[in-house]
PDB file of N, CA and C in Angstrom:
ATOM      1  N   MET A   1       0.724  -1.521  -0.078  1.00  0.00           N
ATOM      2  CA  MET A   1      -0.147   0.277  -0.151  1.00  0.00           C
ATOM      3  C   MET A   1       0.944   1.383   0.335  1.00  0.00           C
ATOM      4  N   PRO A   2       0.740   2.267  -1.167  1.00  0.00           N
ATOM      5  CA  PRO A   2       1.679   3.382  -1.336  1.00  0.00           C
ATOM      6  C   PRO A   2       1.312   4.138   0.667  1.00  0.00           C
ATOM      7  N   THR A   3       2.337   4.788   0.630  1.00  0.00           N
ATOM      8  CA  THR A   3       2.423   5.706   1.844  1.00  0.00           C
ATOM      9  C   THR A   3       1.584   6.974   1.584  1.00  0.00           C
ATOM     10  N   ILE A   4       1.123   8.001   2.684  1.00  0.00           N
ATOM     11  CA  ILE A   4       0.190   8.920   2.192  1.00  0.00           C
ATOM     12  C   ILE A   4       1.294  10.568   1.509  1.00  0.00           C
ATOM     13  N   SER A   5       2.640  10.181   1.795  1.00  0.00           N
ATOM     14  CA  SER A   5       3.642  11.075   1.678  1.00  0.00           C
ATOM     15  C   SER A   5       4.177  10.582   0.121  1.00  0.00           C
ATOM     16  N   ARG A   6       4.086   9.280  -0.320  1.00  0.00           N
ATOM     17  CA  ARG A   6       4.248   8.850  -1.847  1.00  0.00           C
ATOM     18  C   ARG A   6       3.076   9.676  -2.440  1.00  0.00           C
ATOM     19  N   LEU A   7       1.940   9.222  -1.839  1.00  0.00           N
ATOM     20  CA  LEU A   7       0.686   9.730  -2.924  1.00  0.00           C
ATOM     21  C   LEU A   7       0.638  11.324  -2.505  1.00  0.00           C
ATOM     22  N   ALA A   8       0.927  11.890  -1.822  1.00  0.00           N
ATOM     23  CA  ALA A   8       0.886  13.109  -1.513  1.00  0.00           C
ATOM     24  C   ALA A   8       2.078  13.804  -2.454  1.00  0.00           C
ATOM     25  N   THR A   9       3.244  13.442  -2.919  1.00  0.00           N
ATOM     26  CA  THR A   9       4.388  13.233  -3.843  1.00  0.00           C
ATOM     27  C   THR A   9       3.441  13.276  -4.939  1.00  0.00           C
ATOM     28  N   ILE A  10       2.883  12.513  -5.240  1.00  0.00           N
ATOM     29  CA  ILE A  10       2.573  12.069  -6.955  1.00  0.00           C
ATOM     30  C   ILE A  10       1.433  13.260  -7.167  1.00  0.00           C
ATOM     31  N   GLY A  11       0.881  12.962  -6.011  1.00  0.00           N
ATOM     32  CA  GLY A  11      -0.369  14.173  -6.851  1.00  0.00           C
ATOM     33  C   GLY A  11      -0.273  15.654  -6.752  1.00  0.00           C
ATOM     34  N   LEU A  12       0.491  16.035  -5.950  1.00  0.00           N
ATOM     35  CA  LEU A  12       1.072  17.671  -5.682  1.00  0.00           C
ATOM     36  C   LEU A  12       2.034  18.003  -6.125  1.00  0.00           C
ATOM     37  N   SER A  13       2.393  16.991  -7.029  1.00  0.00           N
ATOM     38  CA  SER A  13       3.723  17.290  -8.014  1.00  0.00           C
ATOM     39  C   SER A  13       3.247  17.912  -9.267  1.00  0.00           C
ATOM     40  N   LEU A  14       1.568  17.643  -9.914  1.00  0.00           N
ATOM     41  CA  LEU A  14       1.343  18.331 -10.935  1.00  0.00           C
ATOM     42  C   LEU A  14       0.205  19.775 -10.476  1.00  0.00           C
ATOM     43  N   MET A  15       0.631  20.060  -8.702  1.00  0.00           N
ATOM     44  CA  MET A  15      -0.120  21.503  -8.767  1.00  0.00           C
ATOM     45  C   MET A  15       1.240  22.076  -8.539  1.00  0.00           C
ATOM     46  N   CYS A  16       0.365  23.917  -8.682  1.00  0.00           N
ATOM     47  CA  CYS A  16       1.846  24.242  -8.653  1.00  0.00           C
ATOM     48  C   CYS A  16       1.142  25.543  -7.366  1.00  0.00           C
ATOM     49  N   ALA A  17       2.351  25.458  -6.435  1.00  0.00           N
ATOM     50  CA  ALA A  17       1.962  26.153  -5.510  1.00  0.00           C
ATOM     51  C   ALA A  17       3.342  27.038  -4.947  1.00  0.00           C
ATOM     52  N   GLN A  18       2.771  28.336  -4.722  1.00  0.00           N
ATOM     53  CA  GLN A  18       4.274  29.004  -4.348  1.00  0.00           C
ATOM     54  C   GLN A  18       5.181  28.573  -3.471  1.00  0.00           C
ATOM     55  N   ALA A  19       6.266  28.631  -3.703  1.00  0.00           N
ATOM     56  CA  ALA A  19       7.168  28.172  -2.506  1.00  0.00           C
ATOM     57  C   ALA A  19       7.675  28.788  -1.613  1.00  0.00           C
ATOM     58  N   LEU A  20       8.293  28.282  -0.704  1.00  0.00           N
ATOM     59  CA  LEU A  20       8.411  29.302   0.669  1.00  0.00           C
ATOM     60  C   LEU A  20      10.013  29.128   0.999  1.00  0.00           C
ATOM     61  N   PRO A  21      10.706  29.990   1.231  1.00  0.00           N
ATOM     62  CA  PRO A  21      11.910  29.413   1.779  1.00  0.00           C
ATOM     63  C   PRO A  21      12.095  28.917   2.845  1.00  0.00           C
ATOM     64  N   ARG A  22      12.610  28.053   3.155  1.00  0.00           N
ATOM     65  CA  ARG A  22      12.853  27.395   3.861  1.00  0.00           C
ATOM     66  C   ARG A  22      13.808  28.136   5.095  1.00  0.00           C
ATOM     67  N   ALA A  23      13.114  27.441   6.359  1.00  0.00           N
ATOM     68  CA  ALA A  23      13.254  28.858   7.155  1.00  0.00           C
ATOM     69  C   ALA A  23      12.916  27.532   8.842  1.00  0.00           C
ATOM     70  N   ALA A  24      14.000  26.503   8.672  1.00  0.00           N
ATOM     71  CA  ALA A  24      14.047  25.810   9.701  1.00  0.00           C
ATOM     72  C   ALA A  24      14.523  26.016  11.141  1.00  0.00           C
ATOM     73  N   SER A  25      15.064  26.709  10.885  1.00  0.00           N
ATOM     74  CA  SER A  25      15.983  27.517  11.798  1.00  0.00           C
ATOM     75  C   SER A  25      14.998  28.107  12.988  1.00  0.00           C
ATOM     76  N   ALA A  26      14.238  28.603  12.187  1.00  0.00           N
ATOM     77  CA  ALA A  26      13.161  29.586  12.905  1.00  0.00           C
ATOM     78  C   ALA A  26      12.237  28.609  14.077  1.00  0.00           C
ATOM     79  N   GLN A  27      12.205  29.578  14.814  1.00  0.00           N
ATOM     80  CA  GLN A  27      11.442  28.997  16.240  1.00  0.00           C
ATOM     81  C   GLN A  27      10.002  29.205  16.076  1.00  0.00           C
ATOM     82  N   ALA A  28       9.044  28.119  15.985  1.00  0.00           N
ATOM     83  CA  ALA A  28       7.703  28.623  15.949  1.00  0.00           C
ATOM     84  C   ALA A  28       7.488  29.366  16.982  1.00  0.00           C
ATOM     85  N   ASP A  29       6.261  30.319  17.032  1.00  0.00           N
ATOM     86  CA  ASP A  29       5.615  30.925  18.070  1.00  0.00           C
ATOM     87  C   ASP A  29       4.892  30.375  18.362  1.00  0.00           C
ATOM     88  N   ALA A  30       4.147  30.775  19.868  1.00  0.00           N
ATOM     89  CA  ALA A  30       3.182  30.281  20.727  1.00  0.00           C
ATOM     90  C   ALA A  30       1.891  29.995  19.487  1.00  0.00           C
ATOM     91  N   LYS A  31       1.561  30.986  19.035  1.00  0.00           N
ATOM     92  CA  LYS A  31       0.181  30.979  18.410  1.00  0.00           C
ATOM     93  C   LYS A  31       0.305  29.395  17.192  1.00  0.00           C
ATOM     94  N   THR A  32       1.658  29.591  16.567  1.00  0.00           N
ATOM     95  CA  THR A  32       1.418  28.225  15.618  1.00  0.00           C
ATOM     96  C   THR A  32       1.548  27.014  16.249  1.00  0.00           C
ATOM     97  N   VAL A  33       2.138  27.234  17.079  1.00  0.00           N
ATOM     98  CA  VAL A  33       2.271  25.437  18.254  1.00  0.00           C
ATOM     99  C   VAL A  33       0.998  25.234  18.799  1.00  0.00           C
ATOM    100  N   ARG A  34      -0.006  26.148  19.055  1.00  0.00           N
ATOM    101  CA  ARG A  34      -1.161  25.959  19.556  1.00  0.00           C
ATOM    102  C   ARG A  34      -2.094  25.211  18.637  1.00  0.00           C
ATOM    103  N   LEU A  35      -2.081  26.321  17.216  1.00  0.00           N
ATOM    104  CA  LEU A  35      -2.478  25.637  16.042  1.00  0.00           C
ATOM    105  C   LEU A  35      -2.111  24.222  15.247  1.00  0.00           C
ATOM    106  N   TRP A  36      -0.489  23.794  15.443  1.00  0.00           N
ATOM    107  CA  TRP A  36      -0.664  22.851  15.062  1.00  0.00           C
ATOM    108  C   TRP A  36      -1.342  21.682  16.375  1.00  0.00           C
ATOM    109  N   LYS A  37      -1.393  22.117  17.064  1.00  0.00           N
ATOM    110  CA  LYS A  37      -1.730  20.918  18.616  1.00  0.00           C
ATOM    111  C   LYS A  37      -3.428  20.584  18.122  1.00  0.00           C
ATOM    112  N   ALA A  38      -3.787  21.944  17.813  1.00  0.00           N
ATOM    113  CA  ALA A  38      -5.263  21.910  17.590  1.00  0.00           C
ATOM    114  C   ALA A  38      -5.625  21.218  16.311  1.00  0.00           C
ATOM    115  N   LYS A  39      -5.140  21.029  14.966  1.00  0.00           N
ATOM    116  CA  LYS A  39      -5.455  20.659  13.787  1.00  0.00           C
ATOM    117  C   LYS A  39      -4.684  19.670  13.347  1.00  0.00           C
ATOM    118  N   CYS A  40      -3.253  19.706  13.906  1.00  0.00           N
ATOM    119  CA  CYS A  40      -2.248  18.821  13.065  1.00  0.00           C
ATOM    120  C   CYS A  40      -1.789  17.362  14.097  1.00  0.00           C
ATOM    121  N   ALA A  41      -1.998  17.849  15.457  1.00  0.00           N
ATOM    122  CA  ALA A  41      -0.993  16.676  16.525  1.00  0.00           C
ATOM    123  C   ALA A  41      -1.844  15.437  16.845  1.00  0.00           C
ATOM    124  N   SER A  42      -3.074  15.282  16.490  1.00  0.00           N
ATOM    125  CA  SER A  42      -4.087  13.914  16.644  1.00  0.00           C
ATOM    126  C   SER A  42      -3.908  12.802  15.628  1.00  0.00           C
ATOM    127  N   CYS A  43      -2.947  13.616  14.124  1.00  0.00           N
ATOM    128  CA  CYS A  43      -2.678  12.709  13.944  1.00  0.00           C
ATOM    129  C   CYS A  43      -1.129  12.476  13.542  1.00  0.00           C
ATOM    130  N   HIS A  44      -0.256  13.813  13.334  1.00  0.00           N
ATOM    131  CA  HIS A  44       0.646  13.721  12.989  1.00  0.00           C
ATOM    132  C   HIS A  44       1.576  13.596  14.419  1.00  0.00           C
ATOM    133  N   GLY A  45       1.190  13.769  15.420  1.00  0.00           N
ATOM    134  CA  GLY A  45       2.026  13.490  16.482  1.00  0.00           C
ATOM    135  C   GLY A  45       2.307  15.158  17.191  1.00  0.00           C
ATOM    136  N   VAL A  46       2.648  15.354  18.129  1.00  0.00           N
ATOM    137  CA  VAL A  46       3.198  16.825  18.681  1.00  0.00           C
ATOM    138  C   VAL A  46       4.447  16.867  18.050  1.00  0.00           C
ATOM    139  N   ASP A  47       5.125  15.914  17.749  1.00  0.00           N
ATOM    140  CA  ASP A  47       6.847  15.909  17.459  1.00  0.00           C
ATOM    141  C   ASP A  47       6.644  15.888  15.715  1.00  0.00           C
ATOM    142  N   GLY A  48       5.580  15.568  15.517  1.00  0.00           N
ATOM    143  CA  GLY A  48       5.221  15.059  13.490  1.00  0.00           C
ATOM    144  C   GLY A  48       6.217  13.714  13.487  1.00  0.00           C
ATOM    145  N   ARG A  49       6.092  12.855  14.156  1.00  0.00           N
ATOM    146  CA  ARG A  49       6.516  11.377  14.208  1.00  0.00           C
ATOM    147  C   ARG A  49       5.331  10.764  13.581  1.00  0.00           C
ATOM    148  N   GLY A  50       4.244  11.061  13.772  1.00  0.00           N
ATOM    149  CA  GLY A  50       2.900  10.415  13.159  1.00  0.00           C
ATOM    150  C   GLY A  50       3.147   8.988  13.991  1.00  0.00           C
ATOM    151  N   LYS A  51       3.512   9.176  15.281  1.00  0.00           N
ATOM    152  CA  LYS A  51       3.106   7.688  16.247  1.00  0.00           C
ATOM    153  C   LYS A  51       1.893   8.158  17.281  1.00  0.00           C
ATOM    154  N   THR A  52       0.840   8.490  16.415  1.00  0.00           N
ATOM    155  CA  THR A  52      -0.465   8.275  17.038  1.00  0.00           C
ATOM    156  C   THR A  52      -1.229   7.263  16.484  1.00  0.00           C
ATOM    157  N   GLU A  53      -2.539   6.840  17.214  1.00  0.00           N
ATOM    158  CA  GLU A  53      -3.144   5.998  16.693  1.00  0.00           C
ATOM    159  C   GLU A  53      -3.581   5.995  15.026  1.00  0.00           C
ATOM    160  N   THR A  54      -4.184   7.565  15.327  1.00  0.00           N
ATOM    161  CA  THR A  54      -4.522   7.587  13.881  1.00  0.00           C
ATOM    162  C   THR A  54      -3.290   7.871  12.894  1.00  0.00           C
ATOM    163  N   GLY A  55      -2.120   8.541  12.968  1.00  0.00           N
ATOM    164  CA  GLY A  55      -1.157   8.322  12.513  1.00  0.00           C
ATOM    165  C   GLY A  55      -0.635   6.907  11.969  1.00  0.00           C
ATOM    166  N   GLU A  56      -0.605   5.955  13.028  1.00  0.00           N
ATOM    167  CA  GLU A  56      -0.152   4.237  12.700  1.00  0.00           C
ATOM    168  C   GLU A  56      -1.186   3.916  11.628  1.00  0.00           C
ATOM    169  N   LYS A  57      -2.456   4.040  11.979  1.00  0.00           N
ATOM    170  CA  LYS A  57      -3.204   3.197  10.950  1.00  0.00           C
ATOM    171  C   LYS A  57      -3.525   3.945   9.805  1.00  0.00           C
ATOM    172  N   LEU A  58      -3.154   5.205   9.473  1.00  0.00           N
ATOM    173  CA  LEU A  58      -2.922   5.878   8.277  1.00  0.00           C
ATOM    174  C   LEU A  58      -1.455   5.814   7.395  1.00  0.00           C
ATOM    175  N   ALA A  59      -0.573   5.072   8.098  1.00  0.00           N
ATOM    176  CA  ALA A  59       0.656   5.022   7.770  1.00  0.00           C
ATOM    177  C   ALA A  59       1.511   6.403   7.547  1.00  0.00           C
ATOM    178  N   ILE A  60       0.977   7.180   8.431  1.00  0.00           N
ATOM    179  CA  ILE A  60       1.841   8.745   8.334  1.00  0.00           C
ATOM    180  C   ILE A  60       3.382   8.738   8.417  1.00  0.00           C
ATOM    181  N   PRO A  61       3.510   9.593   7.459  1.00  0.00           N
ATOM    182  CA  PRO A  61       5.240   9.512   7.736  1.00  0.00           C
ATOM    183  C   PRO A  61       5.977  10.513   8.738  1.00  0.00           C
ATOM    184  N   ASP A  62       6.990   9.930   8.959  1.00  0.00           N
ATOM    185  CA  ASP A  62       7.602  10.564  10.332  1.00  0.00           C
ATOM    186  C   ASP A  62       8.113  12.153   9.418  1.00  0.00           C
ATOM    187  N   MET A  63       7.465  12.816   9.761  1.00  0.00           N
ATOM    188  CA  MET A  63       7.788  14.495   9.125  1.00  0.00           C
ATOM    189  C   MET A  63       9.009  15.139  10.101  1.00  0.00           C
ATOM    190  N   ALA A  64       9.494  14.778  10.991  1.00  0.00           N
ATOM    191  CA  ALA A  64      10.952  14.877  11.547  1.00  0.00           C
ATOM    192  C   ALA A  64      12.154  14.354  10.346  1.00  0.00           C
ATOM    193  N   ALA A  65      11.672  13.363  10.170  1.00  0.00           N
ATOM    194  CA  ALA A  65      12.792  12.555   9.348  1.00  0.00           C
ATOM    195  C   ALA A  65      13.589  13.252   8.570  1.00  0.00           C
ATOM    196  N   ALA A  66      14.976  13.516   8.466  1.00  0.00           N
ATOM    197  CA  ALA A  66      15.783  14.143   7.847  1.00  0.00           C
ATOM    198  C   ALA A  66      15.115  13.580   6.084  1.00  0.00           C
ATOM    199  N   ASP A  67      15.170  12.340   5.685  1.00  0.00           N
ATOM    200  CA  ASP A  67      14.978  11.838   4.600  1.00  0.00           C
ATOM    201  C   ASP A  67      13.434  12.563   3.877  1.00  0.00           C
ATOM    202  N   TRP A  68      12.671  12.308   5.006  1.00  0.00           N
ATOM    203  CA  TRP A  68      11.386  13.328   4.510  1.00  0.00           C
ATOM    204  C   TRP A  68      11.688  14.512   4.365  1.00  0.00           C
ATOM    205  N   GLN A  69      12.412  15.597   5.217  1.00  0.00           N
ATOM    206  CA  GLN A  69      11.993  16.667   5.094  1.00  0.00           C
ATOM    207  C   GLN A  69      12.920  16.823   3.822  1.00  0.00           C
ATOM    208  N   LYS A  70      13.641  16.198   3.227  1.00  0.00           N
ATOM    209  CA  LYS A  70      14.555  16.499   1.946  1.00  0.00           C
ATOM    210  C   LYS A  70      13.939  16.159   0.730  1.00  0.00           C
ATOM    211  N   LYS A  71      12.817  15.254   0.834  1.00  0.00           N
ATOM    212  CA  LYS A  71      11.941  14.939  -0.407  1.00  0.00           C
ATOM    213  C   LYS A  71      10.874  15.955  -0.387  1.00  0.00           C
ATOM    214  N   VAL A  72      10.586  16.465   0.275  1.00  0.00           N
ATOM    215  CA  VAL A  72       8.666  17.100   0.692  1.00  0.00           C
ATOM    216  C   VAL A  72       9.265  18.472   0.305  1.00  0.00           C
ATOM    217  N   THR A  73       8.880  19.276  -0.786  1.00  0.00           N
ATOM    218  CA  THR A  73       8.831  20.402  -0.646  1.00  0.00           C
ATOM    219  C   THR A  73       8.078  21.389   0.029  1.00  0.00           C
ATOM    220  N   ASP A  74       8.015  22.363  -0.130  1.00  0.00           N
ATOM    221  CA  ASP A  74       7.133  24.021   0.882  1.00  0.00           C
ATOM    222  C   ASP A  74       6.204  23.958   0.065  1.00  0.00           C
ATOM    223  N   ALA A  75       6.339  23.791  -1.382  1.00  0.00           N
ATOM    224  CA  ALA A  75       4.871  23.483  -2.288  1.00  0.00           C
ATOM    225  C   ALA A  75       4.215  22.667  -2.185  1.00  0.00           C
ATOM    226  N   GLN A  76       4.825  21.357  -1.566  1.00  0.00           N
ATOM    227  CA  GLN A  76       3.939  19.758  -1.573  1.00  0.00           C
ATOM    228  C   GLN A  76       3.237  19.827  -0.617  1.00  0.00           C
ATOM    229  N   MET A  77       3.965  21.043   0.671  1.00  0.00           N
ATOM    230  CA  MET A  77       3.319  20.846   2.122  1.00  0.00           C
ATOM    231  C   MET A  77       1.860  21.725   1.903  1.00  0.00           C
ATOM    232  N   LYS A  78       2.448  23.227   1.472  1.00  0.00           N
ATOM    233  CA  LYS A  78       1.139  23.934   1.467  1.00  0.00           C
ATOM    234  C   LYS A  78       0.272  23.334   0.349  1.00  0.00           C
ATOM    235  N   ALA A  79      -0.022  22.468  -0.523  1.00  0.00           N
ATOM    236  CA  ALA A  79      -1.007  22.068  -1.322  1.00  0.00           C
ATOM    237  C   ALA A  79      -1.490  20.870  -0.304  1.00  0.00           C
ATOM    238  N   SER A  80      -0.860  20.186   0.330  1.00  0.00           N
ATOM    239  CA  SER A  80      -1.616  19.203   1.103  1.00  0.00           C
ATOM    240  C   SER A  80      -2.725  19.608   2.182  1.00  0.00           C
ATOM    241  N   ILE A  81      -1.552  20.801   2.807  1.00  0.00           N
ATOM    242  CA  ILE A  81      -2.443  21.368   3.846  1.00  0.00           C
ATOM    243  C   ILE A  81      -3.854  22.170   2.984  1.00  0.00           C
ATOM    244  N   LEU A  82      -3.796  22.961   1.932  1.00  0.00           N
ATOM    245  CA  LEU A  82      -4.948  23.601   1.572  1.00  0.00           C
ATOM    246  C   LEU A  82      -5.991  22.497   0.873  1.00  0.00           C
ATOM    247  N   ASP A  83      -5.561  21.774   0.179  1.00  0.00           N
ATOM    248  CA  ASP A  83      -5.817  20.939  -0.719  1.00  0.00           C
ATOM    249  C   ASP A  83      -6.473  19.084  -0.046  1.00  0.00           C
ATOM    250  N   GLY A  84      -5.519  19.086   1.427  1.00  0.00           N
ATOM    251  CA  GLY A  84      -6.139  17.607   1.873  1.00  0.00           C
ATOM    252  C   GLY A  84      -5.148  16.845   1.320  1.00  0.00           C
ATOM    253  N   VAL A  85      -5.068  15.464   1.409  1.00  0.00           N
ATOM    254  CA  VAL A  85      -4.690  14.297   0.939  1.00  0.00           C
ATOM    255  C   VAL A  85      -6.130  13.273   1.191  1.00  0.00           C
ATOM    256  N   LYS A  86      -5.758  12.705  -0.298  1.00  0.00           N
ATOM    257  CA  LYS A  86      -6.704  11.300  -0.668  1.00  0.00           C
ATOM    258  C   LYS A  86      -5.707  10.472  -0.774  1.00  0.00           C
ATOM    259  N   ARG A  87      -6.321   9.229  -0.703  1.00  0.00           N
ATOM    260  CA  ARG A  87      -5.459   8.109  -0.585  1.00  0.00           C
ATOM    261  C   ARG A  87      -6.311   7.154  -1.830  1.00  0.00           C
ATOM    262  N   PRO A  88      -6.503   6.906  -2.524  1.00  0.00           N
ATOM    263  CA  PRO A  88      -7.099   5.834  -3.604  1.00  0.00           C
ATOM    264  C   PRO A  88      -7.156   4.801  -3.069  1.00  0.00           C
ATOM    265  N   GLY A  89      -8.838   4.370  -3.098  1.00  0.00           N
ATOM    266  CA  GLY A  89      -9.475   3.462  -2.748  1.00  0.00           C
ATOM    267  C   GLY A  89      -9.545   3.517  -0.898  1.00  0.00           C
ATOM    268  N   LYS A  90      -9.386   4.439  -0.549  1.00  0.00           N
ATOM    269  CA  LYS A  90      -9.531   4.753   1.195  1.00  0.00           C
ATOM    270  C   LYS A  90     -10.381   6.078   1.207  1.00  0.00           C
ATOM    271  N   ALA A  91     -11.155   5.458   2.853  1.00  0.00           N
ATOM    272  CA  ALA A  91     -12.021   6.529   2.606  1.00  0.00           C
ATOM    273  C   ALA A  91     -11.429   7.576   3.854  1.00  0.00           C
ATOM    274  N   GLU A  92     -10.338   7.120   4.254  1.00  0.00           N
ATOM    275  CA  GLU A  92      -9.550   8.107   5.158  1.00  0.00           C
ATOM    276  C   GLU A  92      -8.611   8.813   4.612  1.00  0.00           C
ATOM    277  N   GLY A  93      -7.909  10.135   4.831  1.00  0.00           N
ATOM    278  CA  GLY A  93      -7.122  10.931   4.777  1.00  0.00           C
ATOM    279  C   GLY A  93      -7.202  11.998   5.123  1.00  0.00           C
ATOM    280  N   MET A  94      -6.469  13.376   4.922  1.00  0.00           N
ATOM    281  CA  MET A  94      -6.448  14.244   5.325  1.00  0.00           C
ATOM    282  C   MET A  94      -7.317  15.514   4.410  1.00  0.00           C
ATOM    283  N   ASP A  95      -8.537  16.001   5.327  1.00  0.00           N
ATOM    284  CA  ASP A  95      -9.355  17.106   4.799  1.00  0.00           C
ATOM    285  C   ASP A  95      -8.155  18.125   4.676  1.00  0.00           C
ATOM    286  N   PRO A  96      -9.034  19.041   3.477  1.00  0.00           N
ATOM    287  CA  PRO A  96      -8.669  20.400   3.167  1.00  0.00           C
ATOM    288  C   PRO A  96      -8.979  21.719   4.333  1.00  0.00           C
ATOM    289  N   TYR A  97      -8.011  22.205   4.395  1.00  0.00           N
ATOM    290  CA  TYR A  97      -7.900  23.300   5.170  1.00  0.00           C
ATOM    291  C   TYR A  97      -7.504  24.653   4.391  1.00  0.00           C
ATOM    292  N   LYS A  98      -7.995  24.907   3.374  1.00  0.00           N
ATOM    293  CA  LYS A  98      -8.061  25.856   2.366  1.00  0.00           C
ATOM    294  C   LYS A  98      -8.863  27.029   3.061  1.00  0.00           C
ATOM    295  N   ASP A  99     -10.034  26.603   3.341  1.00  0.00           N
ATOM    296  CA  ASP A  99     -11.304  27.321   3.934  1.00  0.00           C
ATOM    297  C   ASP A  99     -10.995  27.357   5.368  1.00  0.00           C
ATOM    298  N   LYS A 100     -10.543  26.706   5.996  1.00  0.00           N
ATOM    299  CA  LYS A 100     -10.094  27.133   7.446  1.00  0.00           C
ATOM    300  C   LYS A 100      -9.062  27.477   7.845  1.00  0.00           C
ATOM    301  N   LEU A 101      -8.141  27.941   7.442  1.00  0.00           N
ATOM    302  CA  LEU A 101      -7.070  28.395   7.890  1.00  0.00           C
ATOM    303  C   LEU A 101      -6.473  30.006   6.932  1.00  0.00           C
ATOM    304  N   GLU A 102      -5.851  31.067   7.283  1.00  0.00           N
ATOM    305  CA  GLU A 102      -5.539  31.781   6.423  1.00  0.00           C
ATOM    306  C   GLU A 102      -3.778  31.386   6.374  1.00  0.00           C
ATOM    307  N   PRO A 103      -4.017  32.366   4.608  1.00  0.00           N
ATOM    308  CA  PRO A 103      -2.428  31.826   4.197  1.00  0.00           C
ATOM    309  C   PRO A 103      -1.471  31.810   5.296  1.00  0.00           C
ATOM    310  N   GLU A 104      -1.464  33.159   5.667  1.00  0.00           N
ATOM    311  CA  GLU A 104      -0.173  32.892   6.988  1.00  0.00           C
ATOM    312  C   GLU A 104      -0.374  31.975   8.148  1.00  0.00           C
ATOM    313  N   GLN A 105      -1.334  31.526   8.173  1.00  0.00           N
ATOM    314  CA  GLN A 105      -1.392  30.434   9.415  1.00  0.00           C
ATOM    315  C   GLN A 105      -0.446  28.887   8.842  1.00  0.00           C
ATOM    316  N   VAL A 106      -0.951  29.011   7.323  1.00  0.00           N
ATOM    317  CA  VAL A 106      -0.185  27.810   6.315  1.00  0.00           C
ATOM    318  C   VAL A 106       0.880  27.748   6.500  1.00  0.00           C
ATOM    319  N   ASP A 107       1.611  28.894   5.887  1.00  0.00           N
ATOM    320  CA  ASP A 107       3.085  29.495   6.169  1.00  0.00           C
ATOM    321  C   ASP A 107       3.689  29.141   6.999  1.00  0.00           C
ATOM    322  N   ALA A 108       3.125  29.758   8.205  1.00  0.00           N
ATOM    323  CA  ALA A 108       3.680  29.283   9.741  1.00  0.00           C
ATOM    324  C   ALA A 108       3.605  27.747   9.864  1.00  0.00           C
ATOM    325  N   LEU A 109       2.683  27.149   9.619  1.00  0.00           N
ATOM    326  CA  LEU A 109       2.764  25.477   9.950  1.00  0.00           C
ATOM    327  C   LEU A 109       3.991  25.161   8.997  1.00  0.00           C
ATOM    328  N   ILE A 110       4.281  25.733   7.906  1.00  0.00           N
ATOM    329  CA  ILE A 110       5.494  24.652   7.201  1.00  0.00           C
ATOM    330  C   ILE A 110       6.591  25.125   7.631  1.00  0.00           C
ATOM    331  N   VAL A 111       6.792  26.544   8.201  1.00  0.00           N
ATOM    332  CA  VAL A 111       7.920  26.769   9.090  1.00  0.00           C
ATOM    333  C   VAL A 111       8.155  25.591  10.234  1.00  0.00           C
ATOM    334  N   TYR A 112       6.442  25.247  11.143  1.00  0.00           N
ATOM    335  CA  TYR A 112       7.121  24.630  12.335  1.00  0.00           C
ATOM    336  C   TYR A 112       7.165  23.137  11.807  1.00  0.00           C
ATOM    337  N   VAL A 113       6.690  22.360  10.334  1.00  0.00           N
ATOM    338  CA  VAL A 113       7.284  21.110   9.815  1.00  0.00           C
ATOM    339  C   VAL A 113       8.690  21.405   9.847  1.00  0.00           C
ATOM    340  N   ARG A 114       9.443  22.347   9.255  1.00  0.00           N
ATOM    341  CA  ARG A 114      10.396  22.413   9.070  1.00  0.00           C
ATOM    342  C   ARG A 114      11.503  22.321  10.621  1.00  0.00           C
ATOM    343  N   SER A 115      10.943  23.007  11.155  1.00  0.00           N
ATOM    344  CA  SER A 115      11.646  22.961  12.611  1.00  0.00           C
ATOM    345  C   SER A 115      11.929  21.731  13.340  1.00  0.00           C
ATOM    346  N   LEU A 116      10.744  21.255  13.115  1.00  0.00           N
ATOM    347  CA  LEU A 116      10.644  19.783  13.883  1.00  0.00           C
ATOM    348  C   LEU A 116      11.984  18.886  13.393  1.00  0.00           C
ATOM    349  N   SER A 117      12.662  18.743  12.731  1.00  0.00           N
ATOM    350  CA  SER A 117      13.859  17.966  12.328  1.00  0.00           C
ATOM    351  C   SER A 117      14.849  17.972  12.839  1.00  0.00           C
ATOM    352  N   LYS A 118      14.999  19.502  13.578  1.00  0.00           N
ATOM    353  CA  LYS A 118      16.116  19.716  14.622  1.00  0.00           C
ATOM    354  C   LYS A 118      15.942  18.598  16.311  1.00  0.00           C
TER     355      LYS A 118
END
């Protein structure tokens, strides 16, 4: 079964999204940490490793791993956040947040995900 990361890479490579500068060294502000915990951590884990019940069920990749950080672009993350991630043949996936988050929040989440590799 393909992983969500692989599916996102395939599907999102077709989408054009504005790339953000990599700012992995930037510390996430408290508001972004709260946003992550409220919207993302139940599946991705507080540390981004996907070691939650849902994360393991959906085979969510370890977003703190160096190899994941290298292969997934900021544009791909942005598209996943905005448009969600669908898994062919599966009902489960990631819901889109394009109508739920402001552009600045999406950008801040990407910076936060980059900071998880530290």
